[in-house]
């Protein structure tokens, strides 16, 4: 069985996330995709985040029509106090949700014949070499990376951790080749999706919500309704 793992803050989940998941499902024949909201994302320590309970609820609403899209509590806070409604600030003392730890924990519940695919956008993949135990992560799962215009295969290869990165003379011919297809190197498998890019950002959605603007073009109707009813992202 092929299983996808899609982690992130999802603050909030939007149509771009869903488009990536659908394309990955089709491309890699994924039987199910776990949407894993992070309680304490390492790259956003100390930044204000909407409470985990709200972000999980919005994922549940956004994915309710897709039976193989599954909201996951793999990175849920240990204490229910941190999941209280409203805005919360993740303290630096909170244990970061490192992807390698989540992947290893998930694989303990899978069968040996199951294959795990990690879904990520190319903007996040650019910093993959800085991720905690990045080299080990490539050994645990294949990657599905949503590309966008302006990125080449060389950009993808050069973003890899140094120990896995091809020599420059190897990647030189790929600078003019768009980031699409499959990139298979020693210890690395990356499936690139080049037809899913949508110019949507969670930051822009939060700003629109704060200004009381309609959100229907960015998020699923049930999510837009949830944001409106709960007053999420409202100023003050």
C-alpha atoms as a PDB file:
ATOM      1  CA  UNK A   1       0.000   0.000   0.000  1.00  0.00           C
ATOM      2  CA  UNK A   2       1.229   3.490  -0.861  1.00  0.00           C
ATOM      3  CA  UNK A   3       0.599   6.042   1.883  1.00  0.00           C
ATOM      4  CA  UNK A   4       1.091   9.798   1.777  1.00  0.00           C
ATOM      5  CA  UNK A   5       2.024  12.008   4.707  1.00  0.00           C
ATOM      6  CA  UNK A   6       1.274  15.697   4.334  1.00  0.00           C
ATOM      7  CA  UNK A   7       2.483  17.781   7.254  1.00  0.00           C
ATOM      8  CA  UNK A   8       2.368  21.514   7.895  1.00  0.00           C
ATOM      9  CA  UNK A   9       0.830  24.227  10.005  1.00  0.00           C
ATOM     10  CA  UNK A  10      -2.339  24.362   7.847  1.00  0.00           C
ATOM     11  CA  UNK A  11      -3.176  27.787   9.265  1.00  0.00           C
ATOM     12  CA  UNK A  12      -5.542  27.463   7.486  1.00  0.00           C
ATOM     13  CA  UNK A  13      -5.697  24.572   5.028  1.00  0.00           C
ATOM     14  CA  UNK A  14      -6.490  25.898   1.535  1.00  0.00           C
ATOM     15  CA  UNK A  15      -7.241  24.781  -2.013  1.00  0.00           C
ATOM     16  CA  UNK A  16      -3.538  24.675  -2.892  1.00  0.00           C
ATOM     17  CA  UNK A  17      -2.971  22.011  -0.234  1.00  0.00           C
ATOM     18  CA  UNK A  18      -5.846  19.945  -1.569  1.00  0.00           C
ATOM     19  CA  UNK A  19      -4.666  20.274  -5.176  1.00  0.00           C
ATOM     20  CA  UNK A  20      -1.218  19.002  -4.172  1.00  0.00           C
ATOM     21  CA  UNK A  21      -2.734  16.038  -2.320  1.00  0.00           C
ATOM     22  CA  UNK A  22      -5.010  15.079  -5.222  1.00  0.00           C
ATOM     23  CA  UNK A  23      -2.152  15.265  -7.723  1.00  0.00           C
ATOM     24  CA  UNK A  24       0.101  13.200  -5.457  1.00  0.00           C
ATOM     25  CA  UNK A  25      -2.638  10.615  -4.993  1.00  0.00           C
ATOM     26  CA  UNK A  26      -2.976  10.245  -8.749  1.00  0.00           C
ATOM     27  CA  UNK A  27       0.730  10.277  -9.539  1.00  0.00           C
ATOM     28  CA  UNK A  28       1.883   7.856  -6.847  1.00  0.00           C
ATOM     29  CA  UNK A  29      -1.277   5.740  -6.523  1.00  0.00           C
ATOM     30  CA  UNK A  30      -1.699   6.629  -2.866  1.00  0.00           C
ATOM     31  CA  UNK A  31      -4.317   4.613  -1.003  1.00  0.00           C
ATOM     32  CA  UNK A  32      -4.613   7.268   1.678  1.00  0.00           C
ATOM     33  CA  UNK A  33      -3.051  10.572   2.648  1.00  0.00           C
ATOM     34  CA  UNK A  34      -2.621  11.645   6.251  1.00  0.00           C
ATOM     35  CA  UNK A  35      -2.921  15.390   6.848  1.00  0.00           C
ATOM     36  CA  UNK A  36      -0.763  16.100   9.892  1.00  0.00           C
ATOM     37  CA  UNK A  37      -1.044  19.546  11.466  1.00  0.00           C
ATOM     38  CA  UNK A  38       2.009  20.413  13.548  1.00  0.00           C
ATOM     39  CA  UNK A  39       1.583  21.524  17.134  1.00  0.00           C
ATOM     40  CA  UNK A  40       5.064  23.051  17.319  1.00  0.00           C
ATOM     41  CA  UNK A  41       6.558  23.466  13.825  1.00  0.00           C
ATOM     42  CA  UNK A  42      10.352  23.822  14.173  1.00  0.00           C
ATOM     43  CA  UNK A  43      10.563  26.686  11.659  1.00  0.00           C
ATOM     44  CA  UNK A  44       7.917  28.741  13.485  1.00  0.00           C
ATOM     45  CA  UNK A  45       8.989  28.468  17.105  1.00  0.00           C
ATOM     46  CA  UNK A  46       7.726  31.470  19.042  1.00  0.00           C
ATOM     47  CA  UNK A  47       5.378  32.625  16.269  1.00  0.00           C
ATOM     48  CA  UNK A  48       1.626  32.952  16.956  1.00  0.00           C
ATOM     49  CA  UNK A  49      -0.419  30.096  15.541  1.00  0.00           C
ATOM     50  CA  UNK A  50      -4.097  29.373  15.545  1.00  0.00           C
ATOM     51  CA  UNK A  51      -4.818  26.715  18.169  1.00  0.00           C
ATOM     52  CA  UNK A  52      -4.193  23.128  17.117  1.00  0.00           C
ATOM     53  CA  UNK A  53      -7.850  22.221  17.712  1.00  0.00           C
ATOM     54  CA  UNK A  54      -8.999  24.826  15.178  1.00  0.00           C
ATOM     55  CA  UNK A  55      -6.455  23.800  12.554  1.00  0.00           C
ATOM     56  CA  UNK A  56      -7.364  20.144  12.962  1.00  0.00           C
ATOM     57  CA  UNK A  57     -11.073  20.998  12.702  1.00  0.00           C
ATOM     58  CA  UNK A  58     -10.504  22.919   9.469  1.00  0.00           C
ATOM     59  CA  UNK A  59      -8.592  19.974   7.987  1.00  0.00           C
ATOM     60  CA  UNK A  60     -11.493  17.701   8.910  1.00  0.00           C
ATOM     61  CA  UNK A  61     -13.945  20.019   7.170  1.00  0.00           C
ATOM     62  CA  UNK A  62     -11.771  20.498   4.081  1.00  0.00           C
ATOM     63  CA  UNK A  63     -11.239  16.771   3.572  1.00  0.00           C
ATOM     64  CA  UNK A  64     -14.689  15.434   4.488  1.00  0.00           C
ATOM     65  CA  UNK A  65     -15.592  14.724   0.847  1.00  0.00           C
ATOM     66  CA  UNK A  66     -12.395  12.711   0.241  1.00  0.00           C
ATOM     67  CA  UNK A  67     -12.598   9.367   2.017  1.00  0.00           C
ATOM     68  CA  UNK A  68      -8.872   8.682   1.545  1.00  0.00           C
ATOM     69  CA  UNK A  69      -7.811  12.075   2.966  1.00  0.00           C
ATOM     70  CA  UNK A  70      -7.414  11.494   6.697  1.00  0.00           C
ATOM     71  CA  UNK A  71      -6.903  14.165   9.394  1.00  0.00           C
ATOM     72  CA  UNK A  72      -4.177  12.918  11.721  1.00  0.00           C
ATOM     73  CA  UNK A  73      -3.269  13.538  15.364  1.00  0.00           C
ATOM     74  CA  UNK A  74       0.308  12.316  14.948  1.00  0.00           C
ATOM     75  CA  UNK A  75       1.648  15.701  16.081  1.00  0.00           C
ATOM     76  CA  UNK A  76      -1.143  16.676  18.455  1.00  0.00           C
ATOM     77  CA  UNK A  77      -0.189  18.509  21.663  1.00  0.00           C
ATOM     78  CA  UNK A  78       0.243  16.311  24.688  1.00  0.00           C
ATOM     79  CA  UNK A  79      -1.718  18.712  26.854  1.00  0.00           C
ATOM     80  CA  UNK A  80      -5.250  19.732  25.978  1.00  0.00           C
ATOM     81  CA  UNK A  81      -4.410  23.169  27.374  1.00  0.00           C
ATOM     82  CA  UNK A  82      -2.370  24.007  24.302  1.00  0.00           C
ATOM     83  CA  UNK A  83      -5.355  23.127  22.122  1.00  0.00           C
ATOM     84  CA  UNK A  84      -7.670  25.705  23.687  1.00  0.00           C
ATOM     85  CA  UNK A  85      -9.636  27.766  21.172  1.00  0.00           C
ATOM     86  CA  UNK A  86      -8.240  31.099  20.051  1.00  0.00           C
ATOM     87  CA  UNK A  87      -4.706  32.223  19.324  1.00  0.00           C
ATOM     88  CA  UNK A  88      -1.814  30.497  20.992  1.00  0.00           C
ATOM     89  CA  UNK A  89       1.876  31.143  21.022  1.00  0.00           C
ATOM     90  CA  UNK A  90       4.061  28.062  20.766  1.00  0.00           C
ATOM     91  CA  UNK A  91       6.776  28.472  23.367  1.00  0.00           C
ATOM     92  CA  UNK A  92      10.372  27.674  22.525  1.00  0.00           C
ATOM     93  CA  UNK A  93      10.291  25.123  25.358  1.00  0.00           C
ATOM     94  CA  UNK A  94       7.679  23.077  23.508  1.00  0.00           C
ATOM     95  CA  UNK A  95       9.165  20.038  21.829  1.00  0.00           C
ATOM     96  CA  UNK A  96       9.361  20.711  18.083  1.00  0.00           C
ATOM     97  CA  UNK A  97       7.525  18.340  15.765  1.00  0.00           C
ATOM     98  CA  UNK A  98      10.401  17.064  13.658  1.00  0.00           C
ATOM     99  CA  UNK A  99       9.281  15.304  10.501  1.00  0.00           C
ATOM    100  CA  UNK A 100      11.790  12.481  10.949  1.00  0.00           C
ATOM    101  CA  UNK A 101      10.243  11.612  14.327  1.00  0.00           C
ATOM    102  CA  UNK A 102       6.729  11.618  12.881  1.00  0.00           C
ATOM    103  CA  UNK A 103       7.761   9.467   9.924  1.00  0.00           C
ATOM    104  CA  UNK A 104       9.532   6.903  12.110  1.00  0.00           C
ATOM    105  CA  UNK A 105       6.558   6.724  14.493  1.00  0.00           C
ATOM    106  CA  UNK A 106       4.117   6.300  11.618  1.00  0.00           C
ATOM    107  CA  UNK A 107       6.173   3.581   9.968  1.00  0.00           C
ATOM    108  CA  UNK A 108       6.056   1.538  13.154  1.00  0.00           C
ATOM    109  CA  UNK A 109       2.316   1.102  12.532  1.00  0.00           C
ATOM    110  CA  UNK A 110       2.696   0.202   8.855  1.00  0.00           C
ATOM    111  CA  UNK A 111       3.479  -3.085   7.180  1.00  0.00           C
ATOM    112  CA  UNK A 112       6.931  -3.693   5.762  1.00  0.00           C
ATOM    113  CA  UNK A 113       5.522  -3.778   2.238  1.00  0.00           C
ATOM    114  CA  UNK A 114       3.874  -0.347   2.654  1.00  0.00           C
ATOM    115  CA  UNK A 115       5.584   2.596   0.967  1.00  0.00           C
ATOM    116  CA  UNK A 116       5.559   6.060   2.500  1.00  0.00           C
ATOM    117  CA  UNK A 117       5.545   9.294   0.470  1.00  0.00           C
ATOM    118  CA  UNK A 118       6.166  12.676   2.061  1.00  0.00           C
ATOM    119  CA  UNK A 119       4.267  15.548   0.418  1.00  0.00           C
ATOM    120  CA  UNK A 120       5.870  18.990   0.431  1.00  0.00           C
ATOM    121  CA  UNK A 121       5.844  22.216  -1.558  1.00  0.00           C
ATOM    122  CA  UNK A 122       9.006  23.292  -3.324  1.00  0.00           C
ATOM    123  CA  UNK A 123       9.344  26.431  -1.204  1.00  0.00           C
ATOM    124  CA  UNK A 124       9.709  24.248   1.889  1.00  0.00           C
ATOM    125  CA  UNK A 125      11.891  21.763   0.003  1.00  0.00           C
ATOM    126  CA  UNK A 126      14.409  24.532  -0.715  1.00  0.00           C
ATOM    127  CA  UNK A 127      15.349  24.365   2.976  1.00  0.00           C
ATOM    128  CA  UNK A 128      15.324  20.567   3.223  1.00  0.00           C
ATOM    129  CA  UNK A 129      19.049  20.419   3.993  1.00  0.00           C
ATOM    130  CA  UNK A 130      18.346  22.386   7.200  1.00  0.00           C
ATOM    131  CA  UNK A 131      15.690  19.951   8.419  1.00  0.00           C
ATOM    132  CA  UNK A 132      16.419  17.834  11.466  1.00  0.00           C
ATOM    133  CA  UNK A 133      18.196  14.623  10.385  1.00  0.00           C
ATOM    134  CA  UNK A 134      17.455  15.379   6.736  1.00  0.00           C
ATOM    135  CA  UNK A 135      19.716  12.628   5.398  1.00  0.00           C
ATOM    136  CA  UNK A 136      17.924  10.012   7.491  1.00  0.00           C
ATOM    137  CA  UNK A 137      14.560  11.296   6.290  1.00  0.00           C
ATOM    138  CA  UNK A 138      15.396  10.513   2.655  1.00  0.00           C
ATOM    139  CA  UNK A 139      16.172   6.966   3.723  1.00  0.00           C
ATOM    140  CA  UNK A 140      12.764   6.558   5.339  1.00  0.00           C
ATOM    141  CA  UNK A 141      10.450   7.747   2.556  1.00  0.00           C
ATOM    142  CA  UNK A 142      10.106   9.021  -0.987  1.00  0.00           C
ATOM    143  CA  UNK A 143       9.289  12.682  -1.558  1.00  0.00           C
ATOM    144  CA  UNK A 144       6.488  14.197  -3.611  1.00  0.00           C
ATOM    145  CA  UNK A 145       7.354  17.826  -4.289  1.00  0.00           C
ATOM    146  CA  UNK A 146       4.929  20.350  -5.775  1.00  0.00           C
ATOM    147  CA  UNK A 147       6.995  22.460  -8.138  1.00  0.00           C
ATOM    148  CA  UNK A 148       6.197  25.853  -9.595  1.00  0.00           C
ATOM    149  CA  UNK A 149       7.383  27.962 -12.532  1.00  0.00           C
ATOM    150  CA  UNK A 150      10.978  29.114 -12.356  1.00  0.00           C
ATOM    151  CA  UNK A 151      12.439  26.026 -10.682  1.00  0.00           C
ATOM    152  CA  UNK A 152      14.722  23.587 -12.477  1.00  0.00           C
ATOM    153  CA  UNK A 153      15.804  20.026 -11.787  1.00  0.00           C
ATOM    154  CA  UNK A 154      19.181  21.452 -10.824  1.00  0.00           C
ATOM    155  CA  UNK A 155      17.507  23.609  -8.150  1.00  0.00           C
ATOM    156  CA  UNK A 156      15.888  20.508  -6.673  1.00  0.00           C
ATOM    157  CA  UNK A 157      19.105  18.476  -6.721  1.00  0.00           C
ATOM    158  CA  UNK A 158      21.162  21.317  -5.256  1.00  0.00           C
ATOM    159  CA  UNK A 159      18.715  21.708  -2.365  1.00  0.00           C
ATOM    160  CA  UNK A 160      19.535  18.205  -1.106  1.00  0.00           C
ATOM    161  CA  UNK A 161      21.684  17.670   1.983  1.00  0.00           C
ATOM    162  CA  UNK A 162      25.350  17.866   1.060  1.00  0.00           C
ATOM    163  CA  UNK A 163      25.940  14.154   1.589  1.00  0.00           C
ATOM    164  CA  UNK A 164      23.208  13.337  -0.957  1.00  0.00           C
ATOM    165  CA  UNK A 165      23.800  16.202  -3.371  1.00  0.00           C
ATOM    166  CA  UNK A 166      25.201  15.342  -6.826  1.00  0.00           C
ATOM    167  CA  UNK A 167      28.393  17.028  -7.964  1.00  0.00           C
ATOM    168  CA  UNK A 168      27.919  20.347  -9.773  1.00  0.00           C
ATOM    169  CA  UNK A 169      29.139  18.934 -13.036  1.00  0.00           C
ATOM    170  CA  UNK A 170      26.387  16.318 -12.816  1.00  0.00           C
ATOM    171  CA  UNK A 171      23.590  18.845 -12.236  1.00  0.00           C
ATOM    172  CA  UNK A 172      24.871  21.455 -14.700  1.00  0.00           C
ATOM    173  CA  UNK A 173      22.853  20.063 -17.665  1.00  0.00           C
ATOM    174  CA  UNK A 174      19.663  20.248 -15.600  1.00  0.00           C
ATOM    175  CA  UNK A 175      19.649  24.031 -15.088  1.00  0.00           C
ATOM    176  CA  UNK A 176      17.476  24.556 -18.135  1.00  0.00           C
ATOM    177  CA  UNK A 177      15.192  21.592 -17.441  1.00  0.00           C
ATOM    178  CA  UNK A 178      11.986  22.368 -15.566  1.00  0.00           C
ATOM    179  CA  UNK A 179      11.438  20.684 -12.211  1.00  0.00           C
ATOM    180  CA  UNK A 180       9.175  17.863 -13.339  1.00  0.00           C
ATOM    181  CA  UNK A 181       9.215  14.103 -13.635  1.00  0.00           C
ATOM    182  CA  UNK A 182      11.149  11.874 -11.261  1.00  0.00           C
ATOM    183  CA  UNK A 183      14.562  12.547  -9.754  1.00  0.00           C
ATOM    184  CA  UNK A 184      16.159   9.296  -8.602  1.00  0.00           C
ATOM    185  CA  UNK A 185      19.648   9.429  -7.091  1.00  0.00           C
ATOM    186  CA  UNK A 186      21.572   7.238  -4.704  1.00  0.00           C
ATOM    187  CA  UNK A 187      19.419   7.232  -1.557  1.00  0.00           C
ATOM    188  CA  UNK A 188      16.951   9.791  -2.935  1.00  0.00           C
ATOM    189  CA  UNK A 189      13.613   9.448  -4.736  1.00  0.00           C
ATOM    190  CA  UNK A 190      11.693  12.613  -5.600  1.00  0.00           C
ATOM    191  CA  UNK A 191       8.469  12.762  -7.614  1.00  0.00           C
ATOM    192  CA  UNK A 192       7.952  16.283  -8.950  1.00  0.00           C
ATOM    193  CA  UNK A 193       4.479  17.660  -9.649  1.00  0.00           C
ATOM    194  CA  UNK A 194       4.582  20.518 -12.135  1.00  0.00           C
ATOM    195  CA  UNK A 195       0.879  21.161 -12.750  1.00  0.00           C
ATOM    196  CA  UNK A 196      -0.544  21.920  -9.312  1.00  0.00           C
ATOM    197  CA  UNK A 197       0.823  25.357  -8.439  1.00  0.00           C
ATOM    198  CA  UNK A 198      -1.791  27.778  -7.155  1.00  0.00           C
ATOM    199  CA  UNK A 199      -0.806  31.280  -6.004  1.00  0.00           C
ATOM    200  CA  UNK A 200      -2.449  30.934  -2.598  1.00  0.00           C
ATOM    201  CA  UNK A 201      -0.810  31.631   0.737  1.00  0.00           C
ATOM    202  CA  UNK A 202      -2.115  31.046   4.235  1.00  0.00           C
ATOM    203  CA  UNK A 203      -0.812  34.494   5.187  1.00  0.00           C
ATOM    204  CA  UNK A 204      -2.965  36.147   2.533  1.00  0.00           C
ATOM    205  CA  UNK A 205      -5.981  34.142   3.688  1.00  0.00           C
ATOM    206  CA  UNK A 206      -5.497  35.238   7.290  1.00  0.00           C
ATOM    207  CA  UNK A 207      -5.189  38.861   6.162  1.00  0.00           C
ATOM    208  CA  UNK A 208      -8.360  38.551   4.078  1.00  0.00           C
ATOM    209  CA  UNK A 209     -10.218  37.001   7.021  1.00  0.00           C
ATOM    210  CA  UNK A 210      -9.025  39.767   9.330  1.00  0.00           C
ATOM    211  CA  UNK A 211     -10.394  42.330   6.876  1.00  0.00           C
ATOM    212  CA  UNK A 212     -13.728  40.497   6.633  1.00  0.00           C
ATOM    213  CA  UNK A 213     -13.264  39.652   2.952  1.00  0.00           C
ATOM    214  CA  UNK A 214     -14.817  36.575   1.295  1.00  0.00           C
ATOM    215  CA  UNK A 215     -12.602  33.474   1.401  1.00  0.00           C
ATOM    216  CA  UNK A 216     -14.401  31.210  -1.061  1.00  0.00           C
ATOM    217  CA  UNK A 217     -11.722  31.424  -3.735  1.00  0.00           C
ATOM    218  CA  UNK A 218      -9.046  30.299  -1.263  1.00  0.00           C
ATOM    219  CA  UNK A 219     -10.624  27.631   0.945  1.00  0.00           C
ATOM    220  CA  UNK A 220     -13.437  25.090   0.894  1.00  0.00           C
ATOM    221  CA  UNK A 221     -16.895  26.524   1.737  1.00  0.00           C
ATOM    222  CA  UNK A 222     -17.069  24.636   5.044  1.00  0.00           C
ATOM    223  CA  UNK A 223     -13.691  26.065   6.071  1.00  0.00           C
ATOM    224  CA  UNK A 224     -14.708  29.606   5.101  1.00  0.00           C
ATOM    225  CA  UNK A 225     -17.877  29.197   7.153  1.00  0.00           C
ATOM    226  CA  UNK A 226     -15.904  27.866  10.139  1.00  0.00           C
ATOM    227  CA  UNK A 227     -13.496  30.799  10.026  1.00  0.00           C
ATOM    228  CA  UNK A 228     -16.387  33.257   9.886  1.00  0.00           C
ATOM    229  CA  UNK A 229     -18.397  31.645  12.679  1.00  0.00           C
ATOM    230  CA  UNK A 230     -15.462  31.262  15.063  1.00  0.00           C
ATOM    231  CA  UNK A 231     -13.930  34.631  14.281  1.00  0.00           C
ATOM    232  CA  UNK A 232     -10.534  33.131  13.546  1.00  0.00           C
ATOM    233  CA  UNK A 233      -7.916  35.612  12.358  1.00  0.00           C
ATOM    234  CA  UNK A 234     -10.144  38.541  13.279  1.00  0.00           C
ATOM    235  CA  UNK A 235      -8.140  41.559  14.387  1.00  0.00           C
ATOM    236  CA  UNK A 236      -8.195  42.196  18.107  1.00  0.00           C
END
